[in-house]
Every structure is written in C-alpha cells, then in structure tokens.
C-alpha cells in the first residue's frame, strides 16, 4: 500500500532501486545476503514514503497498522535473568582492549557520533587496533564472534560464558533457533543509536545483558520510531517537539538498565539507545565503558518461512512494475531486436556491445540524473 502511495518522483527512485536489486546475483545458499539486500530495499520504501509526511500522517498509519498495540521490549526479572543470564562488572578500557583484539583481530569497526547531529554516525570500517583510544560518542556494534557449535569458544570468557548459558537455557526448545553470531557491544559516554528496527538479520528477539555502565533504551512503535530517525537526520531542530508530543500522548516507554540487568527486545517495534554521562546525571555511578553482551533468537517456524520466500529465481522481485515501466521495457526490447537485425548480431555479440556501451556511457548524465552506482552506493 505504501508503494502505491508514493509520488511520481519517489516511485521513479524506487523503480531504480528495484532494478538494482533484481540485478543482484546472490547464490541461493547465501540466505543472509539475500535477506540483507531485500531488507535494504524495504527500508528504502519507508524512506521514500516518509518524504512530505507529517507527524499526524505517520501516527495515523501506525494506528491503522496496529503498531501502537505491539510490545517493543522489557526488562527481564526473575532467577533466570538475574542469576544465570546476567553478569555485572566495572569494565575499564584497559581490560576491554584485549577482548576486542581477540574478537576483531588487528582492525576494529567503529562508529563516531556526528558532533552536530547525534542521529548521524561516521563509520570507521577498519581502524588499526593500536590506534584505538577511548573517546566520547564512540562505540562498536560489530565486535562479534561466530560460534561453530555449542561447545566452540572465542577465548573471551565474558562472551563464552554467555554463549554457554543461552544454549543451556534454551536447550530442548525446538521453537527457538539461536543466531551463532554473539555480540560484545561496547560504547563510551554520549554515544547514541538512533531509533531503528534490527533488520541486519531476519526478525528475532534479542537478549541484552548490560555488564558495565548504563544504557537508556527508548521504545517507540515501529513506524513512529523510524519516522523520528528520518526527521532527526534531516531536521534535528524538530526532534524536541516530536518527542514531547509523543510523551504527552503516552506513546513509548523508557528502560534504563545498569550492570547485572537483562533486557529483551521484541521484533515488533523500534528503539533508540543512549549512553548517558554521570557528569550530567549525578545519580548515576561513574563508569568508563558501557558494555553489553547480546544474543539473537529466531522463532524457528518463522525463520523457515522467510528462507522459503527467499529461495528461487524470483527472490528479488518484491514490487510489481508500473504500467509505464512495462511499456518502457517492451519498447526497449523492441528497439534492441531491431538493432540486432540491422547489424546482424548474435546474442553474444549484442551482449558484448551492451557491456561496451555501459562503459562508454559512464560519464553520461541524462535528465540531471547520476546513476546510484557511480556515486558509490544505492542509497536514496
């Protein structure tokens, strides 16, 4: 329905993204890569739909979709959470560094919050580990270990213990599948993760154990939270007004967690995460590192259904072409057949000439448009 509501310019951009997706060659065996590309395309639909929409528009659609009635996350209590899943420590950078070296090797993936807009991050894909220093507004979301089996180890005790406990806790539960990738998420004060839904892997529940420091989670209905991030990245001066209106409407919830606490994130909503500073919050204990260990849990039948959907040759055909696009394709095919007849070309000759034409037209700019690939990505 949202695709049908896009204006002509947004629909044209989506069509280009759809063609890019359909041109992707991903082996059927690489399910996660197919999921990633399909998920990125779906995110582009929302980004395009948000353009020109007001807060009232988004809230009305969220109500229509039932998002306001869905749970987003909660703090877990009880013996399993407090005595088995939870660990507590006061982690320093000096103690953290050997763990990061073990999990990441010689280079580490880092995000730094933009100084003028905390909803924007600058990513350092491969910072040499010897250059790593503790800085405010800095964090890593990709310090991970993929376990080959229940008894595999990373030689990082904090993560290996968590991996073992999660497996023991869910042993004999066929309805749940555990993602073999476990996370050691570390951040410094003032780091912000804008509102998002975790779509890097298929829908899942996430267990977060705050080991050190403090994190503040703000849960919002899915569409609302994604819209808040969209606005925050475009016009951050509007954020205060939107968040204040959500508070007055009683929409959303806060979950501050500290050492030894466990949070469960549901796949139905969105959440933003802040690492506060004790300097600005005197009630908080002093800490240097906010450290979380995390595991992702799939609902097995749902995961199987998604894998089935992404099999076959039509896995990347997500939206149907418009009448104009069908007409354009037919005209293009007719023109190419005419060229083949005129020049007496075999299909192989024609394909070779098309590839040469692509190279020859690399610098062409029709109608003021530059192809996304020539800009280094397919973002819109």
Protein backbone atom coordinates (compact mmCIF):
# COMPACT_ATOMS: atom_id res chain seq x y z
CA UNK A 1 0.00 0.00 0.00
CA UNK A 2 2.83 2.41 0.83
CA UNK A 3 4.40 1.75 -2.56
CA UNK A 4 1.12 2.68 -4.24
CA UNK A 5 1.05 5.95 -2.29
CA UNK A 6 4.45 7.15 -3.50
CA UNK A 7 4.54 10.24 -5.69
CA UNK A 8 5.98 10.06 -9.23
CA UNK A 9 9.47 11.12 -8.20
CA UNK A 10 9.60 8.71 -5.26
CA UNK A 11 8.20 5.88 -7.40
CA UNK A 12 10.85 6.51 -10.03
CA UNK A 13 13.58 6.28 -7.39
CA UNK A 14 12.07 3.08 -6.04
CA UNK A 15 11.95 1.61 -9.53
CA UNK A 16 15.65 2.26 -9.95
CA UNK A 17 16.33 0.60 -6.60
CA UNK A 18 14.15 -2.35 -7.66
CA UNK A 19 16.13 -2.76 -10.86
CA UNK A 20 19.35 -2.64 -8.87
CA UNK A 21 18.02 -5.38 -6.57
CA UNK A 22 16.88 -7.53 -9.48
CA UNK A 23 20.35 -7.21 -10.95
CA UNK A 24 21.89 -8.71 -7.80
CA UNK A 25 23.44 -12.14 -8.25
CA UNK A 26 23.36 -13.82 -4.84
CA UNK A 27 23.61 -17.62 -4.54
CA UNK A 28 20.56 -19.32 -3.07
CA UNK A 29 22.79 -20.84 -0.40
CA UNK A 30 23.72 -17.37 0.88
CA UNK A 31 20.41 -16.77 2.60
CA UNK A 32 21.65 -13.96 4.86
CA UNK A 33 23.00 -11.96 1.90
CA UNK A 34 19.64 -12.26 0.13
CA UNK A 35 17.86 -11.19 3.30
CA UNK A 36 20.18 -8.19 3.67
CA UNK A 37 19.52 -6.91 0.15
CA UNK A 38 15.75 -7.42 0.41
CA UNK A 39 15.70 -5.70 3.80
CA UNK A 40 17.64 -2.71 2.49
CA UNK A 41 15.10 -2.35 -0.32
CA UNK A 42 12.20 -2.40 2.14
CA UNK A 43 13.91 0.32 4.18
CA UNK A 44 14.13 2.47 1.06
CA UNK A 45 10.36 2.18 0.60
CA UNK A 46 9.84 3.69 4.05
CA UNK A 47 12.39 6.45 3.48
CA UNK A 48 10.62 7.46 0.29
CA UNK A 49 7.17 7.23 1.90
CA UNK A 50 8.22 9.49 4.80
CA UNK A 51 9.04 12.35 2.43
CA UNK A 52 6.40 15.02 2.81
CA UNK A 53 4.56 13.15 5.59
CA UNK A 54 3.60 14.93 8.80
CA UNK A 55 3.73 13.55 12.33
CA UNK A 56 -0.06 13.17 12.19
CA UNK A 57 0.16 11.19 8.93
CA UNK A 58 2.66 8.73 10.39
CA UNK A 59 0.80 8.35 13.68
CA UNK A 60 -2.47 7.66 11.86
CA UNK A 61 -0.84 4.98 9.70
CA UNK A 62 0.86 3.42 12.74
CA UNK A 63 -2.55 3.18 14.44
CA UNK A 64 -4.07 1.68 11.30
CA UNK A 65 -1.34 -0.97 11.19
CA UNK A 66 -1.76 -1.78 14.88
CA UNK A 67 1.78 -0.71 15.79
CA UNK A 68 0.66 1.16 18.89
CA UNK A 69 -0.63 -2.07 20.42
CA UNK A 70 2.54 -4.13 19.93
CA UNK A 71 5.16 -4.59 22.69
CA UNK A 72 8.66 -3.36 21.91
CA UNK A 73 10.78 -4.63 24.78
CA UNK A 74 11.03 -5.14 28.51
CA UNK A 75 13.46 -5.61 31.38
CA UNK A 76 13.63 -9.27 32.39
CA UNK A 77 13.33 -10.16 36.06
CA UNK A 78 13.44 -13.40 38.00
CA UNK A 79 16.04 -16.03 38.79
CA UNK A 80 16.93 -16.96 35.20
CA UNK A 81 17.61 -13.35 34.28
CA UNK A 82 19.39 -12.22 37.45
CA UNK A 83 21.27 -15.40 38.40
CA UNK A 84 22.00 -17.04 35.04
CA UNK A 85 21.87 -14.62 32.10
CA UNK A 86 23.23 -11.57 33.91
CA UNK A 87 26.80 -10.57 34.69
CA UNK A 88 27.99 -7.33 36.29
CA UNK A 89 31.39 -5.68 36.20
CA UNK A 90 33.05 -2.27 36.14
CA UNK A 91 34.86 -2.50 32.82
CA UNK A 92 37.79 -0.24 32.02
CA UNK A 93 39.18 0.45 28.57
CA UNK A 94 42.42 -1.31 29.52
CA UNK A 95 40.56 -4.52 30.37
CA UNK A 96 38.28 -4.22 27.33
CA UNK A 97 41.11 -3.86 24.80
CA UNK A 98 42.39 -7.50 24.93
CA UNK A 99 38.82 -8.75 24.36
CA UNK A 100 38.42 -6.52 21.32
CA UNK A 101 41.77 -7.70 19.96
CA UNK A 102 40.73 -11.32 20.36
CA UNK A 103 37.35 -10.87 18.65
CA UNK A 104 38.29 -8.32 15.96
CA UNK A 105 41.92 -9.07 15.17
CA UNK A 106 44.15 -6.24 14.02
CA UNK A 107 41.36 -3.87 12.95
CA UNK A 108 38.16 -2.78 14.62
CA UNK A 109 34.84 -1.45 13.29
CA UNK A 110 33.85 1.83 14.96
CA UNK A 111 31.10 4.42 14.86
CA UNK A 112 31.51 8.03 15.96
CA UNK A 113 28.52 10.26 16.63
CA UNK A 114 28.50 13.35 14.44
CA UNK A 115 29.26 16.40 16.62
CA UNK A 116 26.35 18.44 15.17
CA UNK A 117 23.75 15.65 14.97
CA UNK A 118 23.78 12.62 17.25
CA UNK A 119 21.43 10.75 14.87
CA UNK A 120 24.20 10.66 12.28
CA UNK A 121 27.28 8.47 12.69
CA UNK A 122 30.61 8.36 10.92
CA UNK A 123 31.84 4.80 10.48
CA UNK A 124 35.45 3.69 10.57
CA UNK A 125 35.42 0.25 8.98
CA UNK A 126 38.95 -0.83 9.81
CA UNK A 127 40.72 1.25 12.44
CA UNK A 128 44.08 -0.35 13.36
CA UNK A 129 43.66 -1.74 16.86
CA UNK A 130 46.78 0.05 18.13
CA UNK A 131 45.14 3.39 17.29
CA UNK A 132 42.03 2.68 19.37
CA UNK A 133 41.50 5.18 22.18
CA UNK A 134 38.50 5.88 24.44
CA UNK A 135 36.56 8.90 23.16
CA UNK A 136 33.12 10.27 23.99
CA UNK A 137 30.48 9.49 21.37
CA UNK A 138 32.33 6.43 20.10
CA UNK A 139 31.21 2.82 20.04
CA UNK A 140 31.35 -0.53 18.28
CA UNK A 141 28.30 -2.57 17.30
CA UNK A 142 30.22 -5.17 15.28
CA UNK A 143 32.61 -6.75 17.75
CA UNK A 144 31.32 -10.29 17.39
CA UNK A 145 32.18 -13.97 17.35
CA UNK A 146 30.51 -16.66 15.23
CA UNK A 147 30.38 -19.91 17.21
CA UNK A 148 30.75 -23.10 15.19
CA UNK A 149 28.79 -25.09 17.74
CA UNK A 150 27.53 -25.17 21.30
CA UNK A 151 31.00 -26.03 22.64
CA UNK A 152 33.05 -23.65 20.49
CA UNK A 153 34.94 -20.86 22.29
CA UNK A 154 36.22 -17.40 21.43
CA UNK A 155 38.64 -17.33 24.39
CA UNK A 156 36.83 -14.25 25.67
CA UNK A 157 35.43 -15.60 28.91
CA UNK A 158 32.70 -13.00 29.27
CA UNK A 159 31.22 -13.87 25.86
CA UNK A 160 31.85 -17.63 26.05
CA UNK A 161 30.01 -17.87 29.38
CA UNK A 162 27.05 -16.01 27.91
CA UNK A 163 27.02 -18.26 24.84
CA UNK A 164 27.02 -21.36 27.04
CA UNK A 165 24.28 -20.03 29.35
CA UNK A 166 21.97 -19.06 26.47
CA UNK A 167 22.34 -22.53 24.93
CA UNK A 168 21.71 -24.24 28.26
CA UNK A 169 18.68 -22.06 28.97
CA UNK A 170 17.07 -22.84 25.60
CA UNK A 171 18.16 -26.47 25.40
CA UNK A 172 15.36 -28.71 24.19
CA UNK A 173 13.26 -25.85 22.79
CA UNK A 174 12.86 -26.57 19.05
CA UNK A 175 10.71 -23.46 18.53
CA UNK A 176 13.78 -21.24 19.04
CA UNK A 177 16.94 -21.06 16.90
CA UNK A 178 19.99 -19.21 18.20
CA UNK A 179 22.00 -16.99 15.86
CA UNK A 180 25.59 -18.34 16.07
CA UNK A 181 26.89 -14.75 15.98
CA UNK A 182 27.16 -13.31 19.51
CA UNK A 183 27.86 -9.64 20.20
CA UNK A 184 30.10 -7.74 22.57
CA UNK A 185 28.75 -4.20 22.21
CA UNK A 186 30.93 -1.53 23.77
CA UNK A 187 30.37 2.21 23.81
CA UNK A 188 31.62 5.30 25.58
CA UNK A 189 29.58 8.08 27.15
CA UNK A 190 27.34 10.22 24.89
CA UNK A 191 27.08 7.53 22.21
CA UNK A 192 23.64 7.44 20.58
CA UNK A 193 21.96 4.82 18.42
CA UNK A 194 19.02 6.43 16.65
CA UNK A 195 15.60 4.74 16.57
CA UNK A 196 15.68 1.64 14.44
CA UNK A 197 14.42 -1.87 13.98
CA UNK A 198 17.15 -4.51 13.89
CA UNK A 199 16.92 -5.82 10.33
CA UNK A 200 20.52 -6.92 9.74
CA UNK A 201 19.20 -10.47 10.18
CA UNK A 202 15.60 -11.79 9.89
CA UNK A 203 13.05 -10.93 12.63
CA UNK A 204 14.32 -12.00 16.04
CA UNK A 205 14.26 -11.40 19.78
CA UNK A 206 17.45 -10.00 21.31
CA UNK A 207 18.73 -10.67 24.82
CA UNK A 208 20.86 -7.77 26.09
CA UNK A 209 22.88 -8.15 29.29
CA UNK A 210 24.28 -4.82 30.48
CA UNK A 211 27.58 -5.86 32.04
CA UNK A 212 29.13 -2.47 32.72
CA UNK A 213 27.96 1.13 32.65
CA UNK A 214 24.44 2.31 31.83
CA UNK A 215 22.21 2.31 28.75
CA UNK A 216 18.90 4.10 28.29
CA UNK A 217 16.51 2.42 25.84
CA UNK A 218 13.57 4.40 24.46
CA UNK A 219 10.97 2.17 22.82
CA UNK A 220 8.60 3.56 20.19
CA UNK A 221 6.07 1.93 17.83
CA UNK A 222 7.86 0.76 14.69
CA UNK A 223 6.71 3.29 12.10
CA UNK A 224 6.83 6.15 14.60
CA UNK A 225 10.38 5.41 15.68
CA UNK A 226 11.67 5.13 12.11
CA UNK A 227 9.98 8.43 11.30
CA UNK A 228 11.63 10.11 14.30
CA UNK A 229 15.03 8.99 12.99
CA UNK A 230 14.14 10.21 9.49
CA UNK A 231 13.23 13.64 10.85
CA UNK A 232 16.21 13.73 13.23
CA UNK A 233 18.68 13.16 10.43
CA UNK A 234 17.04 15.75 8.18
CA UNK A 235 15.89 18.44 10.62
CA UNK A 236 17.15 17.78 14.16
CA UNK A 237 15.60 21.04 15.43
CA UNK A 238 12.18 19.33 15.13
CA UNK A 239 13.09 16.40 17.36
CA UNK A 240 12.24 18.06 20.68
CA UNK A 241 8.74 18.93 19.52
CA UNK A 242 8.02 15.42 18.20
CA UNK A 243 9.37 13.62 21.28
CA UNK A 244 7.47 15.99 23.58
CA UNK A 245 4.22 15.29 21.70
CA UNK A 246 4.81 11.54 21.97
CA UNK A 247 5.33 11.88 25.72
CA UNK A 248 2.09 13.85 26.11
CA UNK A 249 0.24 11.19 24.15
CA UNK A 250 1.71 8.47 26.36
CA UNK A 251 3.36 6.77 23.38
CA UNK A 252 6.62 4.97 24.04
CA UNK A 253 8.43 3.73 27.12
CA UNK A 254 11.85 4.08 28.75
CA UNK A 255 14.05 1.27 30.05
CA UNK A 256 17.27 2.31 31.80
CA UNK A 257 19.50 -0.69 32.56
CA UNK A 258 22.69 -0.99 34.54
CA UNK A 259 25.20 -3.69 35.47
CA UNK A 260 23.59 -7.08 36.09
CA UNK A 261 20.34 -6.31 34.29
CA UNK A 262 18.87 -8.04 31.23
CA UNK A 263 16.65 -6.58 28.52
CA UNK A 264 14.57 -8.41 25.91
CA UNK A 265 14.00 -6.62 22.60
CA UNK A 266 10.96 -7.73 20.57
CA UNK A 267 10.93 -7.62 16.75
CA UNK A 268 7.69 -5.62 16.65
CA UNK A 269 8.87 -2.10 17.48
CA UNK A 270 11.77 0.32 17.31
CA UNK A 271 14.22 1.57 19.89
CA UNK A 272 16.84 4.25 20.37
CA UNK A 273 19.74 3.83 22.78
CA UNK A 274 21.66 6.45 24.73
CA UNK A 275 24.80 6.07 26.84
CA UNK A 276 24.41 8.81 29.45
CA UNK A 277 27.23 10.62 31.24
CA UNK A 278 27.48 10.64 35.07
CA UNK A 279 28.79 14.20 34.75
CA UNK A 280 25.35 15.32 33.57
CA UNK A 281 23.42 12.76 35.67
CA UNK A 282 24.67 12.86 39.22
CA UNK A 283 22.55 9.88 40.33
CA UNK A 284 24.47 7.55 38.01
CA UNK A 285 27.50 5.56 39.14
CA UNK A 286 30.76 6.55 37.49
CA UNK A 287 31.83 4.31 34.61
CA UNK A 288 34.15 4.40 31.62
CA UNK A 289 32.72 1.73 29.33
CA UNK A 290 29.13 0.75 28.60
CA UNK A 291 29.44 -2.96 27.81
CA UNK A 292 26.63 -5.23 26.61
CA UNK A 293 26.72 -8.86 25.58
CA UNK A 294 23.90 -9.86 23.26
CA UNK A 295 22.33 -12.92 21.66
CA UNK A 296 19.68 -13.11 18.93
CA UNK A 297 16.88 -15.66 18.97
CA UNK A 298 14.84 -16.65 15.91
CA UNK A 299 11.38 -18.22 16.04
CA UNK A 300 12.19 -21.38 14.06
CA UNK A 301 8.95 -21.70 12.02
CA UNK A 302 9.10 -18.01 11.06
CA UNK A 303 12.74 -18.33 10.04
CA UNK A 304 11.96 -21.35 7.85
CA UNK A 305 9.14 -19.41 6.18
CA UNK A 306 11.46 -16.50 5.36
CA UNK A 307 14.10 -18.85 3.97
CA UNK A 308 11.46 -20.40 1.74
CA UNK A 309 10.38 -16.97 0.50
CA UNK A 310 13.96 -16.08 -0.47
CA UNK A 311 14.56 -19.25 -2.47
CA UNK A 312 14.29 -19.48 -6.23
CA UNK A 313 14.86 -17.02 -9.03
CA UNK A 314 12.17 -14.51 -8.01
CA UNK A 315 13.54 -13.79 -4.55
CA UNK A 316 14.48 -10.24 -5.58
CA UNK A 317 11.23 -9.32 -7.34
CA UNK A 318 9.48 -7.54 -4.48
CA UNK A 319 7.32 -4.89 -6.16
CA UNK A 320 5.40 -5.23 -9.38
CA UNK A 321 6.35 -2.83 -12.21
CA UNK A 322 4.03 0.02 -13.08
CA UNK A 323 2.24 0.14 -16.45
CA UNK A 324 4.73 2.78 -17.61
CA UNK A 325 7.66 0.53 -16.64
CA UNK A 326 6.18 -2.42 -18.51
CA UNK A 327 5.68 -0.21 -21.57
CA UNK A 328 9.25 1.08 -21.28
CA UNK A 329 10.61 -2.47 -21.13
CA UNK A 330 8.59 -3.56 -24.16
CA UNK A 331 9.80 -0.58 -26.16
CA UNK A 332 13.40 -1.24 -25.13
CA UNK A 333 13.21 -4.92 -26.14
CA UNK A 334 11.67 -3.98 -29.50
CA UNK A 335 14.43 -1.44 -30.12
CA UNK A 336 17.18 -3.94 -29.25
CA UNK A 337 15.73 -6.58 -31.53
CA UNK A 338 15.64 -4.05 -34.33
CA UNK A 339 19.30 -3.19 -33.72
CA UNK A 340 20.25 -6.88 -33.72
CA UNK A 341 18.54 -7.38 -37.10
CA UNK A 342 20.01 -4.19 -38.57
CA UNK A 343 23.58 -5.06 -37.51
CA UNK A 344 23.18 -8.84 -37.93
CA UNK A 345 24.27 -9.51 -34.32
CA UNK A 346 24.24 -12.77 -32.44
CA UNK A 347 23.09 -12.65 -28.83
CA UNK A 348 26.69 -12.93 -27.66
CA UNK A 349 27.77 -10.05 -29.93
CA UNK A 350 24.83 -7.97 -28.73
CA UNK A 351 25.66 -8.68 -25.06
CA UNK A 352 29.29 -7.71 -25.61
CA UNK A 353 28.29 -4.45 -27.31
CA UNK A 354 25.88 -3.66 -24.46
CA UNK A 355 28.73 -4.05 -21.95
CA UNK A 356 30.89 -1.76 -24.07
CA UNK A 357 28.04 0.73 -24.26
CA UNK A 358 27.79 0.72 -20.45
CA UNK A 359 31.46 1.71 -20.22
CA UNK A 360 31.16 4.29 -22.97
CA UNK A 361 28.16 5.92 -21.23
CA UNK A 362 29.79 6.02 -17.80
CA UNK A 363 30.02 9.82 -17.81
CA UNK A 364 26.63 10.46 -19.39
CA UNK A 365 24.09 12.33 -17.28
CA UNK A 366 20.56 12.17 -18.67
CA UNK A 367 17.85 14.45 -17.24
CA UNK A 368 20.18 15.62 -14.47
CA UNK A 369 20.39 12.12 -13.00
CA UNK A 370 23.52 10.29 -11.93
CA UNK A 371 23.30 6.54 -11.54
CA UNK A 372 23.48 5.42 -7.91
CA UNK A 373 26.33 3.01 -8.58
CA UNK A 374 28.51 5.79 -9.96
CA UNK A 375 28.04 7.58 -6.64
CA UNK A 376 29.40 4.64 -4.72
CA UNK A 377 26.16 3.20 -3.42
CA UNK A 378 22.47 2.71 -3.89
CA UNK A 379 21.24 4.97 -1.13
CA UNK A 380 18.42 7.35 -1.90
